[in-house]
């Protein structure tokens, strides 16, 4: 996920951090972004693949994906899509 621009989906977690949260939380998010950039820069997932992270709106869970940079195809995801759907149904009032 190159040390250059990070996938826009990866930035969605940082936008979920409100100014009222402790500085430690914001620092953790900055560290996470730096770690993702380092992994992508080292091409740990291959030359044409990158690690991204985002926040699932329904379950409020962080989602990690390995994505093909050329096609945008999701190669792997944690938690899997079926787990996110299950969480969505369990959280409904």
Protein backbone atom coordinates (compact mmCIF):
# COMPACT_ATOMS: atom_id res chain seq x y z
CA UNK A 1 0.00 0.00 0.00
CA UNK A 2 5.23 3.21 -2.12
CA UNK A 3 6.14 5.80 0.35
CA UNK A 4 4.33 8.35 -1.79
CA UNK A 5 0.61 9.01 -1.65
CA UNK A 6 -1.37 6.55 0.38
CA UNK A 7 -4.67 5.15 -0.84
CA UNK A 8 -7.45 7.70 -0.06
CA UNK A 9 -9.43 4.94 1.66
CA UNK A 10 -6.60 4.62 4.13
CA UNK A 11 -7.08 8.18 5.30
CA UNK A 12 -10.69 7.63 6.34
CA UNK A 13 -9.62 6.31 9.75
CA UNK A 14 -7.77 9.53 10.53
CA UNK A 15 -10.80 11.59 9.56
CA UNK A 16 -12.80 9.60 12.12
CA UNK A 17 -10.57 10.95 14.90
CA UNK A 18 -12.32 13.89 16.50
CA UNK A 19 -10.45 16.74 18.16
CA UNK A 20 -12.00 15.70 21.48
CA UNK A 21 -10.14 12.38 21.50
CA UNK A 22 -6.92 12.21 23.47
CA UNK A 23 -3.68 13.13 21.73
CA UNK A 24 -2.51 9.54 22.24
CA UNK A 25 -5.22 8.28 19.87
CA UNK A 26 -4.22 10.74 17.19
CA UNK A 27 -0.56 9.80 17.65
CA UNK A 28 -1.48 6.11 17.27
CA UNK A 29 -3.25 6.86 14.00
CA UNK A 30 -0.23 8.80 12.71
CA UNK A 31 2.03 5.88 13.67
CA UNK A 32 -0.29 3.46 11.86
CA UNK A 33 -0.20 5.57 8.70
CA UNK A 34 3.60 5.71 8.89
CA UNK A 35 3.78 1.94 9.32
CA UNK A 36 1.51 1.35 6.32
CA UNK A 37 3.61 3.69 4.19
CA UNK A 38 6.78 1.89 5.29
CA UNK A 39 5.31 -1.52 4.43
CA UNK A 40 4.12 -0.29 1.05
CA UNK A 41 7.45 1.38 0.37
CA UNK A 42 9.26 -1.87 1.10
CA UNK A 43 6.89 -3.64 -1.31
CA UNK A 44 6.19 -6.29 1.32
CA UNK A 45 2.97 -7.21 -0.51
CA UNK A 46 4.53 -7.14 -3.95
CA UNK A 47 5.35 -4.48 -6.48
CA UNK A 48 1.75 -4.01 -7.67
CA UNK A 49 -0.06 -4.46 -4.35
CA UNK A 50 -0.57 -2.20 -1.38
CA UNK A 51 -1.99 -2.35 2.12
CA UNK A 52 -4.89 -0.02 2.82
CA UNK A 53 -7.03 0.52 5.86
CA UNK A 54 -10.38 2.17 6.34
CA UNK A 55 -13.24 2.35 8.79
CA UNK A 56 -16.38 0.36 8.06
CA UNK A 57 -19.22 2.82 8.62
CA UNK A 58 -21.79 0.30 9.80
CA UNK A 59 -19.73 -1.76 12.25
CA UNK A 60 -17.17 1.01 13.08
CA UNK A 61 -14.41 -1.60 12.66
CA UNK A 62 -11.07 -1.02 11.00
CA UNK A 63 -10.77 -2.92 7.73
CA UNK A 64 -7.39 -3.91 6.30
CA UNK A 65 -7.12 -4.75 2.62
CA UNK A 66 -4.38 -5.82 0.24
CA UNK A 67 -5.29 -4.20 -3.07
CA UNK A 68 -3.91 -4.49 -6.60
CA UNK A 69 -2.71 -0.95 -7.38
CA UNK A 70 -3.43 -1.24 -11.11
CA UNK A 71 -6.91 -2.77 -11.05
CA UNK A 72 -8.16 -1.80 -7.59
CA UNK A 73 -9.09 -5.45 -6.99
CA UNK A 74 -9.20 -6.49 -3.33
CA UNK A 75 -6.89 -9.49 -2.96
CA UNK A 76 -7.38 -10.03 0.77
CA UNK A 77 -9.38 -8.35 3.52
CA UNK A 78 -9.53 -8.52 7.31
CA UNK A 79 -12.12 -8.86 8.69
CA UNK A 80 -13.76 -10.59 5.74
CA UNK A 81 -16.84 -9.04 4.14
CA UNK A 82 -19.20 -11.67 5.61
CA UNK A 83 -18.01 -10.79 9.13
CA UNK A 84 -18.73 -7.09 8.49
CA UNK A 85 -22.24 -7.95 7.23
CA UNK A 86 -22.85 -10.10 10.31
CA UNK A 87 -21.70 -7.29 12.59
CA UNK A 88 -23.98 -4.87 10.77
CA UNK A 89 -27.01 -7.10 11.40
CA UNK A 90 -26.07 -7.66 15.03
CA UNK A 91 -25.72 -3.92 15.66
CA UNK A 92 -29.14 -3.02 14.23
CA UNK A 93 -31.63 -1.91 16.89
